[in-house]
C-alpha atoms as a PDB file:
ATOM      1  CA  MET A   1     -34.909  54.307 -12.300  1.00  0.00           C
ATOM      2  CA  VAL A   2     -35.700  53.640  -8.640  1.00  0.00           C
ATOM      3  CA  ALA A   3     -36.162  57.409  -8.078  1.00  0.00           C
ATOM      4  CA  CYS A   4     -38.690  57.586 -10.930  1.00  0.00           C
ATOM      5  CA  LEU A   5     -40.655  54.697  -9.470  1.00  0.00           C
ATOM      6  CA  LEU A   6     -40.808  56.362  -6.033  1.00  0.00           C
ATOM      7  CA  SER A   7     -41.955  59.687  -7.544  1.00  0.00           C
ATOM      8  CA  GLY A   8     -44.660  57.986  -9.562  1.00  0.00           C
ATOM      9  CA  LEU A   9     -45.849  56.051  -6.530  1.00  0.00           C
ATOM     10  CA  LEU A  10     -46.179  59.224  -4.429  1.00  0.00           C
ATOM     11  CA  MET A  11     -48.059  61.035  -7.194  1.00  0.00           C
ATOM     12  CA  ALA A  12     -50.495  58.159  -7.363  1.00  0.00           C
ATOM     13  CA  THR A  13     -51.113  58.023  -3.623  1.00  0.00           C
ATOM     14  CA  LEU A  14     -51.386  61.820  -2.839  1.00  0.00           C
ATOM     15  CA  PRO A  15     -54.821  63.411  -3.200  1.00  0.00           C
ATOM     16  CA  SER A  16     -55.678  64.520  -6.691  1.00  0.00           C
ATOM     17  CA  GLY A  17     -55.087  68.197  -7.272  1.00  0.00           C
ATOM     18  CA  SER A  18     -52.980  68.535  -4.144  1.00  0.00           C
ATOM     19  CA  ALA A  19     -50.796  71.571  -4.400  1.00  0.00           C
ATOM     20  CA  ASN A  20     -48.006  69.843  -2.577  1.00  0.00           C
ATOM     21  CA  ALA A  21     -48.198  66.555  -4.490  1.00  0.00           C
ATOM     22  CA  GLU A  22     -45.877  67.555  -7.234  1.00  0.00           C
ATOM     23  CA  ALA A  23     -43.505  69.284  -4.807  1.00  0.00           C
ATOM     24  CA  VAL A  24     -43.419  66.304  -2.434  1.00  0.00           C
ATOM     25  CA  ALA A  25     -42.880  63.839  -5.248  1.00  0.00           C
ATOM     26  CA  GLY A  26     -40.120  65.970  -6.680  1.00  0.00           C
ATOM     27  CA  SER A  27     -38.467  66.259  -3.279  1.00  0.00           C
ATOM     28  CA  VAL A  28     -38.575  62.514  -2.715  1.00  0.00           C
ATOM     29  CA  ALA A  29     -37.247  61.873  -6.193  1.00  0.00           C
ATOM     30  CA  SER A  30     -34.465  64.349  -5.627  1.00  0.00           C
ATOM     31  CA  ASP A  31     -33.531  62.815  -2.266  1.00  0.00           C
ATOM     32  CA  ALA A  32     -33.681  59.328  -3.732  1.00  0.00           C
ATOM     33  CA  GLN A  33     -31.412  60.338  -6.569  1.00  0.00           C
ATOM     34  CA  ALA A  34     -28.930  61.765  -4.084  1.00  0.00           C
ATOM     35  CA  TRP A  35     -29.050  58.735  -1.814  1.00  0.00           C
ATOM     36  CA  LEU A  36     -29.379  55.836  -4.195  1.00  0.00           C
ATOM     37  CA  PRO A  37     -26.327  56.190  -6.417  1.00  0.00           C
ATOM     38  CA  ALA A  38     -23.774  56.301  -3.578  1.00  0.00           C
ATOM     39  CA  ASN A  39     -25.382  53.670  -1.348  1.00  0.00           C
ATOM     40  CA  MET A  40     -26.398  51.349  -4.125  1.00  0.00           C
ATOM     41  CA  LEU A  41     -22.852  51.514  -5.460  1.00  0.00           C
ATOM     42  CA  VAL A  42     -21.527  50.558  -2.048  1.00  0.00           C
ATOM     43  CA  ILE A  43     -23.991  47.677  -1.821  1.00  0.00           C
ATOM     44  CA  ILE A  44     -23.127  46.488  -5.298  1.00  0.00           C
ATOM     45  CA  LEU A  45     -19.412  46.742  -4.612  1.00  0.00           C
ATOM     46  CA  LEU A  46     -19.791  44.881  -1.316  1.00  0.00           C
ATOM     47  CA  GLY A  47     -21.772  42.172  -3.059  1.00  0.00           C
ATOM     48  CA  MET A  48     -19.191  41.840  -5.803  1.00  0.00           C
ATOM     49  CA  THR A  49     -16.367  41.758  -3.255  1.00  0.00           C
ATOM     50  CA  SER A  50     -18.121  39.047  -1.269  1.00  0.00           C
ATOM     51  CA  ALA A  51     -18.751  37.022  -4.406  1.00  0.00           C
ATOM     52  CA  ILE A  52     -15.125  37.324  -5.470  1.00  0.00           C
ATOM     53  CA  ALA A  53     -13.974  36.381  -1.975  1.00  0.00           C
ATOM     54  CA  LEU A  54     -16.235  33.320  -1.991  1.00  0.00           C
ATOM     55  CA  MET A  55     -14.967  32.300  -5.422  1.00  0.00           C
ATOM     56  CA  ARG A  56     -11.375  32.659  -4.286  1.00  0.00           C
ATOM     57  CA  LEU A  57     -12.105  30.672  -1.122  1.00  0.00           C
ATOM     58  CA  ALA A  58     -13.730  27.910  -3.181  1.00  0.00           C
ATOM     59  CA  ALA A  59     -10.741  27.846  -5.524  1.00  0.00           C
ATOM     60  CA  MET A  60      -8.340  27.658  -2.570  1.00  0.00           C
ATOM     61  CA  GLN A  61     -10.329  24.801  -1.024  1.00  0.00           C
ATOM     62  CA  LEU A  62     -10.352  22.911  -4.312  1.00  0.00           C
ATOM     63  CA  ARG A  63      -6.604  23.429  -4.753  1.00  0.00           C
ATOM     64  CA  LEU A  64      -5.972  22.329  -1.162  1.00  0.00           C
ATOM     65  CA  GLN A  65      -8.109  19.222  -1.661  1.00  0.00           C
ATOM     66  CA  ARG A  66      -6.182  18.303  -4.796  1.00  0.00           C
ATOM     67  CA  GLU A  67      -2.855  18.816  -3.026  1.00  0.00           C
ATOM     68  CA  ILE A  68      -3.992  16.588  -0.157  1.00  0.00           C
ATOM     69  CA  GLN A  69      -5.106  13.877  -2.591  1.00  0.00           C
ATOM     70  CA  ALA A  70      -1.803  14.082  -4.453  1.00  0.00           C
ATOM     71  CA  HIS A  71       0.110  13.847  -1.175  1.00  0.00           C
ATOM     72  CA  GLN A  72      -1.926  10.830  -0.084  1.00  0.00           C
ATOM     73  CA  ALA A  73      -1.345   9.102  -3.420  1.00  0.00           C
ATOM     74  CA  LEU A  74       2.383   9.771  -3.180  1.00  0.00           C
ATOM     75  CA  GLU A  75       2.437   8.451   0.371  1.00  0.00           C
ATOM     76  CA  ARG A  76       0.664   5.254  -0.691  1.00  0.00           C
ATOM     77  CA  HIS A  77       3.156   4.877  -3.531  1.00  0.00           C
ATOM     78  CA  PHE A  78       6.147   5.192  -1.221  1.00  0.00           C
ATOM     79  CA  ARG A  79       4.617   2.797   1.295  1.00  0.00           C
ATOM     80  CA  ALA A  80       4.144   0.242  -1.465  1.00  0.00           C
ATOM     81  CA  LEU A  81       7.752   0.692  -2.572  1.00  0.00           C
ATOM     82  CA  MET A  82       9.002   0.340   1.001  1.00  0.00           C
ATOM     83  CA  ALA A  83       7.207  -3.001   1.270  1.00  0.00           C
ATOM     84  CA  LEU A  84       9.019  -4.456  -1.763  1.00  0.00           C
ATOM     85  CA  ASP A  85      12.492  -5.828  -2.333  1.00  0.00           C
ATOM     86  CA  GLY A  86      14.273  -3.549  -4.762  1.00  0.00           C
ATOM     87  CA  LEU A  87      15.946  -6.355  -6.744  1.00  0.00           C
ATOM     88  CA  THR A  88      13.279  -9.032  -7.145  1.00  0.00           C
ATOM     89  CA  GLY A  89      10.118  -6.973  -6.712  1.00  0.00           C
ATOM     90  CA  LEU A  90       8.872  -9.434  -4.094  1.00  0.00           C
ATOM     91  CA  PRO A  91       7.635  -8.352  -0.673  1.00  0.00           C
ATOM     92  CA  ASN A  92      10.530  -7.740   1.709  1.00  0.00           C
ATOM     93  CA  ARG A  93      11.061  -9.271   5.132  1.00  0.00           C
ATOM     94  CA  HIS A  94       9.125  -6.642   7.051  1.00  0.00           C
ATOM     95  CA  SER A  95       6.132  -6.880   4.744  1.00  0.00           C
ATOM     96  CA  PHE A  96       6.222 -10.671   4.835  1.00  0.00           C
ATOM     97  CA  LEU A  97       6.219 -10.792   8.638  1.00  0.00           C
ATOM     98  CA  ASP A  98       3.151  -8.565   8.821  1.00  0.00           C
ATOM     99  CA  GLN A  99       1.205 -10.560   6.235  1.00  0.00           C
ATOM    100  CA  ALA A 100       2.366 -13.937   7.556  1.00  0.00           C
ATOM    101  CA  ALA A 101       1.249 -13.098  11.096  1.00  0.00           C
ATOM    102  CA  ALA A 102      -2.243 -12.285   9.827  1.00  0.00           C
ATOM    103  CA  ALA A 103      -2.373 -15.440   7.675  1.00  0.00           C
ATOM    104  CA  LEU A 104      -1.212 -17.584  10.581  1.00  0.00           C
ATOM    105  CA  ALA A 105      -3.861 -16.106  12.880  1.00  0.00           C
ATOM    106  CA  ASP A 106      -6.517 -16.869  10.263  1.00  0.00           C
ATOM    107  CA  SER A 107      -5.331 -20.462   9.909  1.00  0.00           C
ATOM    108  CA  VAL A 108      -5.586 -20.982  13.666  1.00  0.00           C
ATOM    109  CA  THR A 109      -9.056 -19.437  13.802  1.00  0.00           C
ATOM    110  CA  GLN A 110     -10.258 -21.551  10.886  1.00  0.00           C
ATOM    111  CA  ARG A 111      -8.373 -24.615  12.148  1.00  0.00           C
ATOM    112  CA  GLN A 112      -6.644 -25.097   8.818  1.00  0.00           C
ATOM    113  CA  PRO A 113      -3.116 -26.367   8.229  1.00  0.00           C
ATOM    114  CA  LEU A 114      -0.396 -23.949   7.204  1.00  0.00           C
ATOM    115  CA  CYS A 115       3.209 -24.485   6.163  1.00  0.00           C
ATOM    116  CA  LEU A 116       6.238 -22.266   5.857  1.00  0.00           C
ATOM    117  CA  LEU A 117       9.147 -22.868   3.478  1.00  0.00           C
ATOM    118  CA  ARG A 118      12.502 -21.188   4.009  1.00  0.00           C
ATOM    119  CA  ILE A 119      14.536 -21.392   0.806  1.00  0.00           C
ATOM    120  CA  ASP A 120      18.235 -20.662   0.455  1.00  0.00           C
ATOM    121  CA  ILE A 121      20.675 -20.887  -2.469  1.00  0.00           C
ATOM    122  CA  ASP A 122      23.566 -23.226  -1.727  1.00  0.00           C
ATOM    123  CA  GLN A 123      27.019 -21.617  -1.682  1.00  0.00           C
ATOM    124  CA  PHE A 124      25.671 -18.441  -3.185  1.00  0.00           C
ATOM    125  CA  HIS A 125      28.763 -16.448  -2.219  1.00  0.00           C
ATOM    126  CA  GLN A 126      30.786 -18.530  -4.675  1.00  0.00           C
ATOM    127  CA  ILE A 127      28.660 -17.268  -7.556  1.00  0.00           C
ATOM    128  CA  ASN A 128      29.334 -13.673  -6.568  1.00  0.00           C
ATOM    129  CA  ASP A 129      33.030 -14.361  -6.069  1.00  0.00           C
ATOM    130  CA  ARG A 130      33.514 -16.235  -9.336  1.00  0.00           C
ATOM    131  CA  TYR A 131      31.069 -14.580 -11.723  1.00  0.00           C
ATOM    132  CA  GLY A 132      30.461 -11.194 -10.148  1.00  0.00           C
ATOM    133  CA  GLN A 133      27.573  -9.548  -8.364  1.00  0.00           C
ATOM    134  CA  LEU A 134      25.588  -8.983 -11.556  1.00  0.00           C
ATOM    135  CA  ALA A 135      25.513 -12.714 -12.233  1.00  0.00           C
ATOM    136  CA  GLY A 136      24.442 -13.306  -8.646  1.00  0.00           C
ATOM    137  CA  ASP A 137      21.641 -10.763  -8.963  1.00  0.00           C
ATOM    138  CA  ASN A 138      20.453 -12.435 -12.164  1.00  0.00           C
ATOM    139  CA  ARG A 139      20.241 -15.790 -10.407  1.00  0.00           C
ATOM    140  CA  LEU A 140      18.288 -14.243  -7.543  1.00  0.00           C
ATOM    141  CA  THR A 141      15.752 -12.654  -9.888  1.00  0.00           C
ATOM    142  CA  SER A 142      15.437 -15.852 -11.929  1.00  0.00           C
ATOM    143  CA  LEU A 143      14.830 -17.916  -8.808  1.00  0.00           C
ATOM    144  CA  ALA A 144      12.324 -15.374  -7.514  1.00  0.00           C
ATOM    145  CA  GLN A 145      10.386 -15.624 -10.776  1.00  0.00           C
ATOM    146  CA  SER A 146      10.443 -19.415 -10.687  1.00  0.00           C
ATOM    147  CA  LEU A 147       9.223 -19.516  -7.095  1.00  0.00           C
ATOM    148  CA  HIS A 148       6.463 -17.051  -7.864  1.00  0.00           C
ATOM    149  CA  GLU A 149       5.236 -19.194 -10.748  1.00  0.00           C
ATOM    150  CA  HIS A 150       4.627 -22.036  -8.284  1.00  0.00           C
ATOM    151  CA  LEU A 151       2.868 -19.854  -5.723  1.00  0.00           C
ATOM    152  CA  GLU A 152      -0.777 -20.744  -5.419  1.00  0.00           C
ATOM    153  CA  ARG A 153      -3.553 -18.280  -4.736  1.00  0.00           C
ATOM    154  CA  GLY A 154      -3.496 -17.077  -1.140  1.00  0.00           C
ATOM    155  CA  GLY A 155       0.171 -17.907  -0.643  1.00  0.00           C
ATOM    156  CA  LEU A 156       2.911 -15.462   0.286  1.00  0.00           C
ATOM    157  CA  LEU A 157       6.398 -15.227  -1.164  1.00  0.00           C
ATOM    158  CA  ALA A 158       9.125 -12.839  -0.048  1.00  0.00           C
ATOM    159  CA  ARG A 159      12.834 -12.237  -0.190  1.00  0.00           C
ATOM    160  CA  MET A 160      13.951 -12.361   3.411  1.00  0.00           C
ATOM    161  CA  GLY A 161      17.389 -10.950   2.657  1.00  0.00           C
ATOM    162  CA  GLY A 162      20.549 -12.040   0.882  1.00  0.00           C
ATOM    163  CA  ASP A 163      19.849 -15.283  -0.952  1.00  0.00           C
ATOM    164  CA  GLU A 164      17.029 -16.478   1.294  1.00  0.00           C
ATOM    165  CA  PHE A 165      13.351 -16.579   0.391  1.00  0.00           C
ATOM    166  CA  ALA A 166      10.255 -17.528   2.358  1.00  0.00           C
ATOM    167  CA  MET A 167       7.020 -19.033   1.095  1.00  0.00           C
ATOM    168  CA  LEU A 168       3.920 -19.269   3.255  1.00  0.00           C
ATOM    169  CA  LEU A 169       1.291 -21.808   2.194  1.00  0.00           C
ATOM    170  CA  PRO A 170      -2.124 -21.529   3.886  1.00  0.00           C
ATOM    171  CA  ALA A 171      -4.442 -24.535   3.846  1.00  0.00           C
ATOM    172  CA  THR A 172      -1.475 -26.787   3.026  1.00  0.00           C
ATOM    173  CA  THR A 173      -0.411 -29.975   4.788  1.00  0.00           C
ATOM    174  CA  PRO A 174       3.253 -30.883   5.360  1.00  0.00           C
ATOM    175  CA  THR A 175       2.955 -33.664   2.783  1.00  0.00           C
ATOM    176  CA  THR A 176       1.722 -31.278   0.102  1.00  0.00           C
ATOM    177  CA  ALA A 177       4.324 -28.676   1.074  1.00  0.00           C
ATOM    178  CA  GLU A 178       7.111 -31.245   0.837  1.00  0.00           C
ATOM    179  CA  ALA A 179       5.992 -32.302  -2.636  1.00  0.00           C
ATOM    180  CA  LEU A 180       6.014 -28.672  -3.773  1.00  0.00           C
ATOM    181  CA  ALA A 181       9.430 -28.102  -2.221  1.00  0.00           C
ATOM    182  CA  GLU A 182      10.851 -31.067  -4.094  1.00  0.00           C
ATOM    183  CA  ARG A 183       9.547 -29.650  -7.379  1.00  0.00           C
ATOM    184  CA  LEU A 184      11.130 -26.294  -6.589  1.00  0.00           C
ATOM    185  CA  ARG A 185      14.441 -27.927  -5.715  1.00  0.00           C
ATOM    186  CA  ALA A 186      14.500 -30.091  -8.848  1.00  0.00           C
ATOM    187  CA  GLU A 187      13.582 -27.170 -11.094  1.00  0.00           C
ATOM    188  CA  ALA A 188      16.342 -24.981  -9.654  1.00  0.00           C
ATOM    189  CA  ALA A 189      18.928 -27.711 -10.129  1.00  0.00           C
ATOM    190  CA  SER A 190      17.905 -28.323 -13.741  1.00  0.00           C
ATOM    191  CA  ALA A 191      17.868 -24.686 -14.850  1.00  0.00           C
ATOM    192  CA  ASP A 192      19.267 -23.924 -18.299  1.00  0.00           C
ATOM    193  CA  PRO A 193      23.044 -23.296 -17.961  1.00  0.00           C
ATOM    194  CA  ALA A 194      22.800 -20.743 -20.751  1.00  0.00           C
ATOM    195  CA  ALA A 195      20.845 -18.523 -18.380  1.00  0.00           C
ATOM    196  CA  GLY A 196      23.867 -18.205 -16.096  1.00  0.00           C
ATOM    197  CA  PRO A 197      25.783 -20.175 -13.492  1.00  0.00           C
ATOM    198  CA  GLY A 198      23.860 -23.140 -12.158  1.00  0.00           C
ATOM    199  CA  ILE A 199      22.502 -23.185  -8.626  1.00  0.00           C
ATOM    200  CA  THR A 200      20.964 -25.594  -6.158  1.00  0.00           C
ATOM    201  CA  ILE A 201      18.682 -24.695  -3.303  1.00  0.00           C
ATOM    202  CA  SER A 202      17.963 -26.079   0.135  1.00  0.00           C
ATOM    203  CA  ILE A 203      14.509 -25.861   1.705  1.00  0.00           C
ATOM    204  CA  GLY A 204      13.326 -26.162   5.290  1.00  0.00           C
ATOM    205  CA  ILE A 205       9.640 -26.805   6.011  1.00  0.00           C
ATOM    206  CA  ALA A 206       7.642 -26.204   9.183  1.00  0.00           C
ATOM    207  CA  SER A 207       3.921 -26.486   9.872  1.00  0.00           C
ATOM    208  CA  SER A 208       1.913 -24.378  12.282  1.00  0.00           C
ATOM    209  CA  HIS A 209       0.608 -27.185  14.510  1.00  0.00           C
ATOM    210  CA  ALA A 210      -2.158 -24.740  15.452  1.00  0.00           C
ATOM    211  CA  HIS A 211       0.129 -22.859  17.864  1.00  0.00           C
ATOM    212  CA  GLY A 212      -0.271 -19.528  16.054  1.00  0.00           C
ATOM    213  CA  LYS A 213       3.249 -18.300  16.830  1.00  0.00           C
ATOM    214  CA  LEU A 214       5.103 -16.884  13.850  1.00  0.00           C
ATOM    215  CA  ASP A 215       8.444 -16.685  15.653  1.00  0.00           C
ATOM    216  CA  LEU A 216       8.283 -20.371  16.433  1.00  0.00           C
ATOM    217  CA  LEU A 217       7.260 -21.262  12.894  1.00  0.00           C
ATOM    218  CA  LEU A 218      10.176 -19.279  11.467  1.00  0.00           C
ATOM    219  CA  ALA A 219      12.594 -20.878  13.907  1.00  0.00           C
ATOM    220  CA  GLN A 220      11.382 -24.373  13.058  1.00  0.00           C
ATOM    221  CA  ALA A 221      11.689 -23.783   9.322  1.00  0.00           C
ATOM    222  CA  GLY A 222      15.102 -22.190   9.886  1.00  0.00           C
ATOM    223  CA  GLN A 223      16.292 -25.224  11.811  1.00  0.00           C
ATOM    224  CA  ALA A 224      15.030 -27.534   9.076  1.00  0.00           C
ATOM    225  CA  LEU A 225      16.869 -25.392   6.508  1.00  0.00           C
ATOM    226  CA  ALA A 226      20.053 -25.710   8.540  1.00  0.00           C
ATOM    227  CA  ASP A 227      19.595 -29.496   8.578  1.00  0.00           C
ATOM    228  CA  ALA A 228      19.302 -29.525   4.781  1.00  0.00           C
ATOM    229  CA  LYS A 229      22.486 -27.434   4.502  1.00  0.00           C
ATOM    230  CA  ARG A 230      24.394 -29.726   6.854  1.00  0.00           C
ATOM    231  CA  GLY A 231      23.292 -32.668   4.747  1.00  0.00           C
ATOM    232  CA  GLY A 232      25.169 -31.247   1.766  1.00  0.00           C
ATOM    233  CA  GLY A 233      22.575 -28.912   0.297  1.00  0.00           C
ATOM    234  CA  ASN A 234      20.203 -29.456  -2.615  1.00  0.00           C
ATOM    235  CA  GLN A 235      17.806 -31.049  -0.152  1.00  0.00           C
ATOM    236  CA  VAL A 236      14.414 -30.619   1.452  1.00  0.00           C
ATOM    237  CA  ALA A 237      14.080 -31.108   5.200  1.00  0.00           C
ATOM    238  CA  LEU A 238      11.067 -31.092   7.523  1.00  0.00           C
ATOM    239  CA  ALA A 239      11.135 -29.512  10.960  1.00  0.00           C
ATOM    240  CA  ARG A 240      11.946 -32.131  13.562  1.00  0.00           C
ATOM    241  CA  LEU A 241      10.467 -30.781  16.790  1.00  0.00           C
ATOM    242  CA  PRO A 242       7.312 -28.753  17.228  1.00  0.00           C
ATOM    243  CA  ASP A 243       8.193 -27.985  20.856  1.00  0.00           C
ATOM    244  CA  GLU A 244       8.859 -24.297  21.421  1.00  0.00           C
ATOM    245  CA  THR A 245      11.428 -25.044  24.132  1.00  0.00           C
ATOM    246  CA  ALA A 246      13.655 -26.708  21.533  1.00  0.00           C
ATOM    247  CA  TYR A 247      14.376 -23.347  19.933  1.00  0.00           C
ATOM    248  CA  PRO A 248      16.530 -20.772  21.718  1.00  0.00           C
ATOM    249  CA  LEU A 249      15.409 -17.177  21.557  1.00  0.00           C
ATOM    250  CA  HIS A 250      18.317 -16.215  19.275  1.00  0.00           C
ATOM    251  CA  LEU A 251      16.821 -18.428  16.563  1.00  0.00           C
ATOM    252  CA  LEU A 252      13.497 -16.608  16.513  1.00  0.00           C
ATOM    253  CA  ARG A 253      13.033 -14.575  13.329  1.00  0.00           C
END
């Protein structure tokens, strides 16, 4: 088709009646027919190859992007699982410490009160020894659910390990925290016996005193918890001394 067009164009442009017009046009058409099929085929094949290569590259990029997204989603999923306690579904100790440090820093910046409750089941080992580990696990999950039901918006609740829990209460005064702790203690002690062996809990409370030190806050609440335990358990105790020097380093965290 291209050869025909070239021949026609030459015939139109050569002088009318030229003896060589028809010969020249035929020669050009013949040369074009010899040149065009091979070279045009190469050009077409190269174009098709490039198009296929581009399509394959686009498909590979799309597949790679999807694999990266799937990997990122899986990584986020595992990170979320690593931040939770496997039994109760609450944040674990590591997760709690990270979130509590940020909440404590915010409370200092905003000059708001903040309280920490450390909660421990009294004589928990006796439940495991007498009723078995399954019964002990059931009591832990039941207590975790009860504590979570009393957690107000913005608060943090975590299982710190074993039978100990921690509850962080931003914008909460010691008086309000103590009242909440008493409700938690009374509710635990009055749990339905049909749900399993009865438990009591002891709670230690510390307030930030605007010092912004999480280690100190944990140590103070831990000391208050120890006071409640020494008093016979099933008690709520407030931290006695806000002075950092009153707490040896081995008590921190």
